[in-house]
Full PDB file with SEQRES, HELIX, SHEET, SSBOND, CRYST1, ORIGX, SCALE, CONECT and MASTER records, all heavy atoms in Angstrom:
SEQRES   1 A   34  GLN ALA PRO GLY GLN GLU ARG GLU PHE VAL ALA ALA ILE          
SEQRES   2 A   34  ALA TRP SER GLY GLY PHE THR TYR TYR ALA ASP SER VAL          
SEQRES   3 A   34  LYS GLY ARG PHE THR ILE SER ARG                              
SHEET    1 AA1 2 ALA A  11  ILE A  13  0                                        
SHEET    2 AA1 2 THR A  20  TYR A  22 -1                                        
CRYST1    1.000    1.000    1.000  90.00  90.00  90.00 P 1           1          
ORIGX1      1.000000  0.000000  0.000000        0.00000                         
ORIGX2      0.000000  1.000000  0.000000        0.00000                         
ORIGX3      0.000000  0.000000  1.000000        0.00000                         
SCALE1      1.000000  0.000000  0.000000        0.00000                         
SCALE2      0.000000  1.000000  0.000000        0.00000                         
SCALE3      0.000000  0.000000  1.000000        0.00000                         
ATOM      1  N   GLN A   1      10.583  -0.281 -13.923  1.00  0.00           N  
ATOM      2  CA  GLN A   1      10.856  -0.546 -12.519  1.00  0.00           C  
ATOM      3  C   GLN A   1      10.498  -1.983 -12.195  1.00  0.00           C  
ATOM      4  O   GLN A   1       9.334  -2.378 -12.332  1.00  0.00           O  
ATOM      5  CB  GLN A   1      10.081   0.414 -11.608  1.00  0.00           C  
ATOM      6  CG  GLN A   1      10.464   0.313 -10.152  1.00  0.00           C  
ATOM      7  CD  GLN A   1       9.920   1.463  -9.342  1.00  0.00           C  
ATOM      8  OE1 GLN A   1       9.011   2.178  -9.757  1.00  0.00           O  
ATOM      9  NE2 GLN A   1      10.492   1.681  -8.166  1.00  0.00           N  
ATOM     10  N   ALA A   2      11.489  -2.740 -11.816  1.00  0.00           N  
ATOM     11  CA  ALA A   2      11.289  -4.118 -11.403  1.00  0.00           C  
ATOM     12  C   ALA A   2      11.019  -4.153  -9.907  1.00  0.00           C  
ATOM     13  O   ALA A   2      11.389  -3.219  -9.182  1.00  0.00           O  
ATOM     14  CB  ALA A   2      12.519  -4.944 -11.744  1.00  0.00           C  
ATOM     15  N   PRO A   3      10.396  -5.219  -9.419  1.00  0.00           N  
ATOM     16  CA  PRO A   3      10.090  -5.311  -7.981  1.00  0.00           C  
ATOM     17  C   PRO A   3      11.349  -5.159  -7.136  1.00  0.00           C  
ATOM     18  O   PRO A   3      12.364  -5.812  -7.380  1.00  0.00           O  
ATOM     19  CB  PRO A   3       9.493  -6.707  -7.851  1.00  0.00           C  
ATOM     20  CG  PRO A   3       8.926  -7.008  -9.194  1.00  0.00           C  
ATOM     21  CD  PRO A   3       9.858  -6.359 -10.170  1.00  0.00           C  
ATOM     22  N   GLY A   4      11.268  -4.281  -6.154  1.00  0.00           N  
ATOM     23  CA  GLY A   4      12.384  -4.081  -5.249  1.00  0.00           C  
ATOM     24  C   GLY A   4      13.532  -3.281  -5.803  1.00  0.00           C  
ATOM     25  O   GLY A   4      14.572  -3.148  -5.133  1.00  0.00           O  
ATOM     26  N   GLN A   5      13.369  -2.744  -7.001  1.00  0.00           N  
ATOM     27  CA  GLN A   5      14.435  -1.974  -7.620  1.00  0.00           C  
ATOM     28  C   GLN A   5      13.976  -0.563  -7.934  1.00  0.00           C  
ATOM     29  O   GLN A   5      12.783  -0.271  -7.967  1.00  0.00           O  
ATOM     30  CB  GLN A   5      14.915  -2.667  -8.897  1.00  0.00           C  
ATOM     31  CG  GLN A   5      15.503  -4.046  -8.665  1.00  0.00           C  
ATOM     32  CD  GLN A   5      16.102  -4.631  -9.921  1.00  0.00           C  
ATOM     33  OE1 GLN A   5      16.466  -3.915 -10.852  1.00  0.00           O  
ATOM     34  NE2 GLN A   5      16.233  -5.950  -9.946  1.00  0.00           N  
ATOM     35  N   GLU A   6      14.942   0.297  -8.162  1.00  0.00           N  
ATOM     36  CA  GLU A   6      14.613   1.676  -8.516  1.00  0.00           C  
ATOM     37  C   GLU A   6      14.230   1.761  -9.988  1.00  0.00           C  
ATOM     38  O   GLU A   6      14.587   0.908 -10.806  1.00  0.00           O  
ATOM     39  CB  GLU A   6      15.807   2.579  -8.230  1.00  0.00           C  
ATOM     40  CG  GLU A   6      16.161   2.695  -6.763  1.00  0.00           C  
ATOM     41  CD  GLU A   6      17.195   3.767  -6.496  1.00  0.00           C  
ATOM     42  OE1 GLU A   6      17.738   4.325  -7.455  1.00  0.00           O  
ATOM     43  OE2 GLU A   6      17.459   4.028  -5.308  1.00  0.00           O  
ATOM     44  N   ARG A   7      13.513   2.810 -10.303  1.00  0.00           N  
ATOM     45  CA  ARG A   7      13.139   3.053 -11.688  1.00  0.00           C  
ATOM     46  C   ARG A   7      14.396   3.338 -12.504  1.00  0.00           C  
ATOM     47  O   ARG A   7      15.255   4.095 -12.078  1.00  0.00           O  
ATOM     48  CB  ARG A   7      12.172   4.226 -11.761  1.00  0.00           C  
ATOM     49  CG  ARG A   7      11.507   4.406 -13.102  1.00  0.00           C  
ATOM     50  CD  ARG A   7      10.406   5.449 -13.024  1.00  0.00           C  
ATOM     51  NE  ARG A   7       9.346   5.045 -12.102  1.00  0.00           N  
ATOM     52  CZ  ARG A   7       8.191   5.708 -11.991  1.00  0.00           C  
ATOM     53  NH1 ARG A   7       7.958   6.767 -12.738  1.00  0.00           N  
ATOM     54  NH2 ARG A   7       7.286   5.296 -11.116  1.00  0.00           N  
ATOM     55  N   GLU A   8      14.475   2.735 -13.669  1.00  0.00           N  
ATOM     56  CA  GLU A   8      15.655   2.931 -14.495  1.00  0.00           C  
ATOM     57  C   GLU A   8      15.283   3.339 -15.914  1.00  0.00           C  
ATOM     58  O   GLU A   8      14.224   2.987 -16.431  1.00  0.00           O  
ATOM     59  CB  GLU A   8      16.504   1.637 -14.550  1.00  0.00           C  
ATOM     60  CG  GLU A   8      15.845   0.469 -15.235  1.00  0.00           C  
ATOM     61  CD  GLU A   8      16.780  -0.714 -15.438  1.00  0.00           C  
ATOM     62  OE1 GLU A   8      17.971  -0.618 -15.093  1.00  0.00           O  
ATOM     63  OE2 GLU A   8      16.311  -1.745 -15.959  1.00  0.00           O  
ATOM     64  N   PHE A   9      16.181   4.066 -16.516  1.00  0.00           N  
ATOM     65  CA  PHE A   9      16.008   4.532 -17.892  1.00  0.00           C  
ATOM     66  C   PHE A   9      16.089   3.351 -18.855  1.00  0.00           C  
ATOM     67  O   PHE A   9      16.922   2.460 -18.692  1.00  0.00           O  
ATOM     68  CB  PHE A   9      17.101   5.550 -18.211  1.00  0.00           C  
ATOM     69  CG  PHE A   9      17.188   5.930 -19.661  1.00  0.00           C  
ATOM     70  CD1 PHE A   9      16.280   6.814 -20.220  1.00  0.00           C  
ATOM     71  CD2 PHE A   9      18.172   5.389 -20.475  1.00  0.00           C  
ATOM     72  CE1 PHE A   9      16.363   7.171 -21.550  1.00  0.00           C  
ATOM     73  CE2 PHE A   9      18.272   5.735 -21.807  1.00  0.00           C  
ATOM     74  CZ  PHE A   9      17.354   6.629 -22.349  1.00  0.00           C  
ATOM     75  N   VAL A  10      15.221   3.389 -19.876  1.00  0.00           N  
ATOM     76  CA  VAL A  10      15.250   2.366 -20.916  1.00  0.00           C  
ATOM     77  C   VAL A  10      15.606   2.976 -22.271  1.00  0.00           C  
ATOM     78  O   VAL A  10      16.542   2.536 -22.933  1.00  0.00           O  
ATOM     79  CB  VAL A  10      13.888   1.649 -21.002  1.00  0.00           C  
ATOM     80  CG1 VAL A  10      13.883   0.657 -22.169  1.00  0.00           C  
ATOM     81  CG2 VAL A  10      13.558   0.952 -19.696  1.00  0.00           C  
ATOM     82  N   ALA A  11      14.828   3.988 -22.673  1.00  0.00           N  
ATOM     83  CA  ALA A  11      15.050   4.586 -23.988  1.00  0.00           C  
ATOM     84  C   ALA A  11      14.407   5.956 -24.034  1.00  0.00           C  
ATOM     85  O   ALA A  11      13.503   6.257 -23.254  1.00  0.00           O  
ATOM     86  CB  ALA A  11      14.470   3.699 -25.089  1.00  0.00           C  
ATOM     87  N   ALA A  12      14.874   6.789 -24.963  1.00  0.00           N  
ATOM     88  CA  ALA A  12      14.293   8.105 -25.160  1.00  0.00           C  
ATOM     89  C   ALA A  12      14.414   8.493 -26.623  1.00  0.00           C  
ATOM     90  O   ALA A  12      15.264   7.969 -27.359  1.00  0.00           O  
ATOM     91  CB  ALA A  12      14.980   9.143 -24.267  1.00  0.00           C  
ATOM     92  N   ILE A  13      13.552   9.430 -27.016  1.00  0.00           N  
ATOM     93  CA  ILE A  13      13.554   9.890 -28.393  1.00  0.00           C  
ATOM     94  C   ILE A  13      13.288  11.382 -28.403  1.00  0.00           C  
ATOM     95  O   ILE A  13      12.441  11.887 -27.670  1.00  0.00           O  
ATOM     96  CB  ILE A  13      12.518   9.123 -29.235  1.00  0.00           C  
ATOM     97  CG1 ILE A  13      12.626   9.487 -30.718  1.00  0.00           C  
ATOM     98  CG2 ILE A  13      11.104   9.323 -28.710  1.00  0.00           C  
ATOM     99  CD1 ILE A  13      11.855   8.533 -31.630  1.00  0.00           C  
ATOM    100  N   ALA A  14      14.049  12.089 -29.217  1.00  0.00           N  
ATOM    101  CA  ALA A  14      13.889  13.534 -29.312  1.00  0.00           C  
ATOM    102  C   ALA A  14      12.577  13.883 -30.008  1.00  0.00           C  
ATOM    103  O   ALA A  14      11.953  13.047 -30.653  1.00  0.00           O  
ATOM    104  CB  ALA A  14      15.067  14.127 -30.074  1.00  0.00           C  
ATOM    105  N   TRP A  15      12.203  15.157 -29.891  1.00  0.00           N  
ATOM    106  CA  TRP A  15      10.904  15.598 -30.422  1.00  0.00           C  
ATOM    107  C   TRP A  15      10.758  15.307 -31.904  1.00  0.00           C  
ATOM    108  O   TRP A  15       9.677  14.968 -32.386  1.00  0.00           O  
ATOM    109  CB  TRP A  15      10.710  17.088 -30.165  1.00  0.00           C  
ATOM    110  CG  TRP A  15      11.697  17.954 -30.904  1.00  0.00           C  
ATOM    111  CD1 TRP A  15      12.925  18.353 -30.485  1.00  0.00           C  
ATOM    112  CD2 TRP A  15      11.528  18.514 -32.213  1.00  0.00           C  
ATOM    113  NE1 TRP A  15      13.537  19.111 -31.441  1.00  0.00           N  
ATOM    114  CE2 TRP A  15      12.698  19.245 -32.515  1.00  0.00           C  
ATOM    115  CE3 TRP A  15      10.499  18.467 -33.163  1.00  0.00           C  
ATOM    116  CZ2 TRP A  15      12.861  19.921 -33.713  1.00  0.00           C  
ATOM    117  CZ3 TRP A  15      10.664  19.142 -34.357  1.00  0.00           C  
ATOM    118  CH2 TRP A  15      11.842  19.861 -34.624  1.00  0.00           C  
ATOM    119  N   SER A  16      11.847  15.391 -32.643  1.00  0.00           N  
ATOM    120  CA  SER A  16      11.790  15.176 -34.086  1.00  0.00           C  
ATOM    121  C   SER A  16      11.901  13.713 -34.471  1.00  0.00           C  
ATOM    122  O   SER A  16      11.649  13.343 -35.620  1.00  0.00           O  
ATOM    123  CB  SER A  16      12.934  15.932 -34.758  1.00  0.00           C  
ATOM    124  OG  SER A  16      14.176  15.375 -34.347  1.00  0.00           O  
ATOM    125  N   GLY A  17      12.287  12.899 -33.520  1.00  0.00           N  
ATOM    126  CA  GLY A  17      12.550  11.501 -33.838  1.00  0.00           C  
ATOM    127  C   GLY A  17      13.925  11.267 -34.401  1.00  0.00           C  
ATOM    128  O   GLY A  17      14.306  10.126 -34.672  1.00  0.00           O  
ATOM    129  N   GLY A  18      14.691  12.324 -34.562  1.00  0.00           N  
ATOM    130  CA  GLY A  18      15.997  12.191 -35.185  1.00  0.00           C  
ATOM    131  C   GLY A  18      17.066  11.637 -34.278  1.00  0.00           C  
ATOM    132  O   GLY A  18      18.118  11.188 -34.768  1.00  0.00           O  
ATOM    133  N   PHE A  19      16.847  11.697 -32.985  1.00  0.00           N  
ATOM    134  CA  PHE A  19      17.837  11.187 -32.034  1.00  0.00           C  
ATOM    135  C   PHE A  19      17.166  10.204 -31.097  1.00  0.00           C  
ATOM    136  O   PHE A  19      16.088  10.473 -30.576  1.00  0.00           O  
ATOM    137  CB  PHE A  19      18.456  12.332 -31.229  1.00  0.00           C  
ATOM    138  CG  PHE A  19      19.275  13.278 -32.063  1.00  0.00           C  
ATOM    139  CD1 PHE A  19      18.710  14.450 -32.554  1.00  0.00           C  
ATOM    140  CD2 PHE A  19      20.601  13.005 -32.353  1.00  0.00           C  
ATOM    141  CE1 PHE A  19      19.454  15.318 -33.332  1.00  0.00           C  
ATOM    142  CE2 PHE A  19      21.353  13.873 -33.115  1.00  0.00           C  
ATOM    143  CZ  PHE A  19      20.775  15.034 -33.607  1.00  0.00           C  
ATOM    144  N   THR A  20      17.810   9.081 -30.888  1.00  0.00           N  
ATOM    145  CA  THR A  20      17.318   8.091 -29.951  1.00  0.00           C  
ATOM    146  C   THR A  20      18.433   7.698 -28.996  1.00  0.00           C  
ATOM    147  O   THR A  20      19.622   7.797 -29.337  1.00  0.00           O  
ATOM    148  CB  THR A  20      16.798   6.832 -30.676  1.00  0.00           C  
ATOM    149  OG1 THR A  20      17.838   6.302 -31.504  1.00  0.00           O  
ATOM    150  CG2 THR A  20      15.578   7.150 -31.522  1.00  0.00           C  
ATOM    151  N   TYR A  21      18.044   7.256 -27.824  1.00  0.00           N  
ATOM    152  CA  TYR A  21      18.988   6.925 -26.766  1.00  0.00           C  
ATOM    153  C   TYR A  21      18.519   5.641 -26.093  1.00  0.00           C  
ATOM    154  O   TYR A  21      17.317   5.451 -25.908  1.00  0.00           O  
ATOM    155  CB  TYR A  21      19.038   8.052 -25.731  1.00  0.00           C  
ATOM    156  CG  TYR A  21      19.200   9.433 -26.329  1.00  0.00           C  
ATOM    157  CD1 TYR A  21      18.100  10.138 -26.796  1.00  0.00           C  
ATOM    158  CD2 TYR A  21      20.453  10.021 -26.445  1.00  0.00           C  
ATOM    159  CE1 TYR A  21      18.233  11.398 -27.362  1.00  0.00           C  
ATOM    160  CE2 TYR A  21      20.604  11.286 -26.997  1.00  0.00           C  
ATOM    161  CZ  TYR A  21      19.492  11.964 -27.457  1.00  0.00           C  
ATOM    162  OH  TYR A  21      19.632  13.207 -28.014  1.00  0.00           O  
ATOM    163  N   TYR A  22      19.460   4.798 -25.713  1.00  0.00           N  
ATOM    164  CA  TYR A  22      19.121   3.520 -25.118  1.00  0.00           C  
ATOM    165  C   TYR A  22      20.018   3.197 -23.935  1.00  0.00           C  
ATOM    166  O   TYR A  22      21.203   3.559 -23.910  1.00  0.00           O  
ATOM    167  CB  TYR A  22      19.258   2.391 -26.145  1.00  0.00           C  
ATOM    168  CG  TYR A  22      18.319   2.509 -27.313  1.00  0.00           C  
ATOM    169  CD1 TYR A  22      18.721   3.127 -28.495  1.00  0.00           C  
ATOM    170  CD2 TYR A  22      17.011   2.037 -27.228  1.00  0.00           C  
ATOM    171  CE1 TYR A  22      17.849   3.251 -29.566  1.00  0.00           C  
ATOM    172  CE2 TYR A  22      16.136   2.157 -28.298  1.00  0.00           C  
ATOM    173  CZ  TYR A  22      16.564   2.766 -29.455  1.00  0.00           C  
ATOM    174  OH  TYR A  22      15.687   2.901 -30.506  1.00  0.00           O  
ATOM    175  N   ALA A  23      19.452   2.488 -22.987  1.00  0.00           N  
ATOM    176  CA  ALA A  23      20.273   1.902 -21.939  1.00  0.00           C  
ATOM    177  C   ALA A  23      21.096   0.770 -22.547  1.00  0.00           C  
ATOM    178  O   ALA A  23      20.642   0.096 -23.485  1.00  0.00           O  
ATOM    179  CB  ALA A  23      19.381   1.359 -20.823  1.00  0.00           C  
ATOM    180  N   ASP A  24      22.263   0.550 -22.027  1.00  0.00           N  
ATOM    181  CA  ASP A  24      23.134  -0.502 -22.564  1.00  0.00           C  
ATOM    182  C   ASP A  24      22.456  -1.865 -22.500  1.00  0.00           C  
ATOM    183  O   ASP A  24      22.671  -2.711 -23.372  1.00  0.00           O  
ATOM    184  CB  ASP A  24      24.448  -0.540 -21.789  1.00  0.00           C  
ATOM    185  CG  ASP A  24      25.344   0.641 -22.093  1.00  0.00           C  
ATOM    186  OD1 ASP A  24      25.107   1.316 -23.127  1.00  0.00           O  
ATOM    187  OD2 ASP A  24      26.270   0.894 -21.311  1.00  0.00           O  
ATOM    188  N   SER A  25      21.635  -2.063 -21.487  1.00  0.00           N  
ATOM    189  CA  SER A  25      21.011  -3.372 -21.280  1.00  0.00           C  
ATOM    190  C   SER A  25      19.980  -3.718 -22.354  1.00  0.00           C  
ATOM    191  O   SER A  25      19.618  -4.895 -22.504  1.00  0.00           O  
ATOM    192  CB  SER A  25      20.354  -3.417 -19.903  1.00  0.00           C  
ATOM    193  OG  SER A  25      19.385  -2.399 -19.786  1.00  0.00           O  
ATOM    194  N   VAL A  26      19.503  -2.720 -23.098  1.00  0.00           N  
ATOM    195  CA  VAL A  26      18.470  -2.992 -24.107  1.00  0.00           C  
ATOM    196  C   VAL A  26      18.924  -2.656 -25.518  1.00  0.00           C  
ATOM    197  O   VAL A  26      18.211  -2.944 -26.486  1.00  0.00           O  
ATOM    198  CB  VAL A  26      17.173  -2.217 -23.796  1.00  0.00           C  
ATOM    199  CG1 VAL A  26      16.699  -2.509 -22.383  1.00  0.00           C  
ATOM    200  CG2 VAL A  26      17.341  -0.728 -24.028  1.00  0.00           C  
ATOM    201  N   LYS A  27      20.095  -2.076 -25.642  1.00  0.00           N  
ATOM    202  CA  LYS A  27      20.588  -1.659 -26.959  1.00  0.00           C  
ATOM    203  C   LYS A  27      20.679  -2.869 -27.881  1.00  0.00           C  
ATOM    204  O   LYS A  27      21.190  -3.918 -27.506  1.00  0.00           O  
ATOM    205  CB  LYS A  27      21.944  -0.984 -26.794  1.00  0.00           C  
ATOM    206  CG  LYS A  27      22.362  -0.105 -27.950  1.00  0.00           C  
ATOM    207  CD  LYS A  27      23.629   0.666 -27.607  1.00  0.00           C  
ATOM    208  CE  LYS A  27      23.417   1.630 -26.470  1.00  0.00           C  
ATOM    209  NZ  LYS A  27      24.636   2.423 -26.168  1.00  0.00           N  
ATOM    210  N   GLY A  28      20.145  -2.714 -29.089  1.00  0.00           N  
ATOM    211  CA  GLY A  28      20.149  -3.811 -30.050  1.00  0.00           C  
ATOM    212  C   GLY A  28      18.939  -4.711 -29.964  1.00  0.00           C  
ATOM    213  O   GLY A  28      18.687  -5.502 -30.873  1.00  0.00           O  
ATOM    214  N   ARG A  29      18.176  -4.601 -28.893  1.00  0.00           N  
ATOM    215  CA  ARG A  29      16.971  -5.421 -28.732  1.00  0.00           C  
ATOM    216  C   ARG A  29      15.702  -4.575 -28.746  1.00  0.00           C  
ATOM    217  O   ARG A  29      14.659  -5.032 -29.217  1.00  0.00           O  
ATOM    218  CB  ARG A  29      17.032  -6.206 -27.421  1.00  0.00           C  
ATOM    219  CG  ARG A  29      18.203  -7.162 -27.322  1.00  0.00           C  
ATOM    220  CD  ARG A  29      18.103  -8.031 -26.083  1.00  0.00           C  
ATOM    221  NE  ARG A  29      18.125  -7.261 -24.835  1.00  0.00           N  
ATOM    222  CZ  ARG A  29      17.150  -7.278 -23.930  1.00  0.00           C  
ATOM    223  NH1 ARG A  29      16.077  -8.024 -24.123  1.00  0.00           N  
ATOM    224  NH2 ARG A  29      17.261  -6.557 -22.823  1.00  0.00           N  
ATOM    225  N   PHE A  30      15.780  -3.376 -28.200  1.00  0.00           N  
ATOM    226  CA  PHE A  30      14.615  -2.485 -28.117  1.00  0.00           C  
ATOM    227  C   PHE A  30      14.755  -1.350 -29.123  1.00  0.00           C  
ATOM    228  O   PHE A  30      15.875  -0.882 -29.398  1.00  0.00           O  
ATOM    229  CB  PHE A  30      14.495  -1.886 -26.724  1.00  0.00           C  
ATOM    230  CG  PHE A  30      14.116  -2.856 -25.627  1.00  0.00           C  
ATOM    231  CD1 PHE A  30      14.103  -4.230 -25.834  1.00  0.00           C  
ATOM    232  CD2 PHE A  30      13.750  -2.363 -24.376  1.00  0.00           C  
ATOM    233  CE1 PHE A  30      13.751  -5.107 -24.822  1.00  0.00           C  
ATOM    234  CE2 PHE A  30      13.390  -3.226 -23.354  1.00  0.00           C  
ATOM    235  CZ  PHE A  30      13.406  -4.598 -23.570  1.00  0.00           C  
ATOM    236  N   THR A  31      13.614  -0.892 -29.625  1.00  0.00           N  
ATOM    237  CA  THR A  31      13.599   0.241 -30.544  1.00  0.00           C  
ATOM    238  C   THR A  31      12.497   1.206 -30.137  1.00  0.00           C  
ATOM    239  O   THR A  31      11.340   0.795 -30.000  1.00  0.00           O  
ATOM    240  CB  THR A  31      13.372  -0.206 -31.985  1.00  0.00           C  
ATOM    241  OG1 THR A  31      14.389  -1.135 -32.377  1.00  0.00           O  
ATOM    242  CG2 THR A  31      13.408   0.996 -32.933  1.00  0.00           C  
ATOM    243  N   ILE A  32      12.866   2.459 -29.949  1.00  0.00           N  
ATOM    244  CA  ILE A  32      11.879   3.493 -29.648  1.00  0.00           C  
ATOM    245  C   ILE A  32      11.582   4.267 -30.921  1.00  0.00           C  
ATOM    246  O   ILE A  32      12.489   4.537 -31.728  1.00  0.00           O  
ATOM    247  CB  ILE A  32      12.385   4.426 -28.521  1.00  0.00           C  
ATOM    248  CG1 ILE A  32      11.276   5.372 -28.076  1.00  0.00           C  
ATOM    249  CG2 ILE A  32      13.641   5.182 -28.938  1.00  0.00           C  
ATOM    250  CD1 ILE A  32      11.620   6.187 -26.819  1.00  0.00           C  
ATOM    251  N   SER A  33      10.321   4.606 -31.097  1.00  0.00           N  
ATOM    252  CA  SER A  33       9.918   5.390 -32.264  1.00  0.00           C  
ATOM    253  C   SER A  33       8.707   6.230 -31.886  1.00  0.00           C  
ATOM    254  O   SER A  33       8.121   6.024 -30.820  1.00  0.00           O  
ATOM    255  CB  SER A  33       9.593   4.480 -33.454  1.00  0.00           C  
ATOM    256  OG  SER A  33       8.516   3.620 -33.138  1.00  0.00           O  
ATOM    257  N   ARG A  34       8.353   7.154 -32.755  1.00  0.00           N  
ATOM    258  CA  ARG A  34       7.201   8.009 -32.459  1.00  0.00           C  
ATOM    259  C   ARG A  34       6.465   8.363 -33.737  1.00  0.00           C  
ATOM    260  O   ARG A  34       7.050   8.410 -34.822  1.00  0.00           O  
ATOM    261  CB  ARG A  34       7.646   9.276 -31.735  1.00  0.00           C  
ATOM    262  CG  ARG A  34       8.498  10.227 -32.551  1.00  0.00           C  
ATOM    263  CD  ARG A  34       9.069  11.336 -31.660  1.00  0.00           C  
ATOM    264  NE  ARG A  34       8.040  12.175 -31.085  1.00  0.00           N  
ATOM    265  CZ  ARG A  34       8.219  12.940 -29.997  1.00  0.00           C  
ATOM    266  NH1 ARG A  34       9.396  12.952 -29.379  1.00  0.00           N  
ATOM    267  NH2 ARG A  34       7.241  13.687 -29.539  1.00  0.00           N  
TER     268      ARG A  34                                                      
MASTER        0    0    0    0    2    0    0    6  267    1    0    3          
END                                                                             
């Protein structure tokens, strides 16, 4: 959540770690892991 903006999704990861999801704005730059 940036100042003055709504909270937005960045990334998510399934319980097994086998599936990951990214917002278009961070795809290729951010990596989620567990």
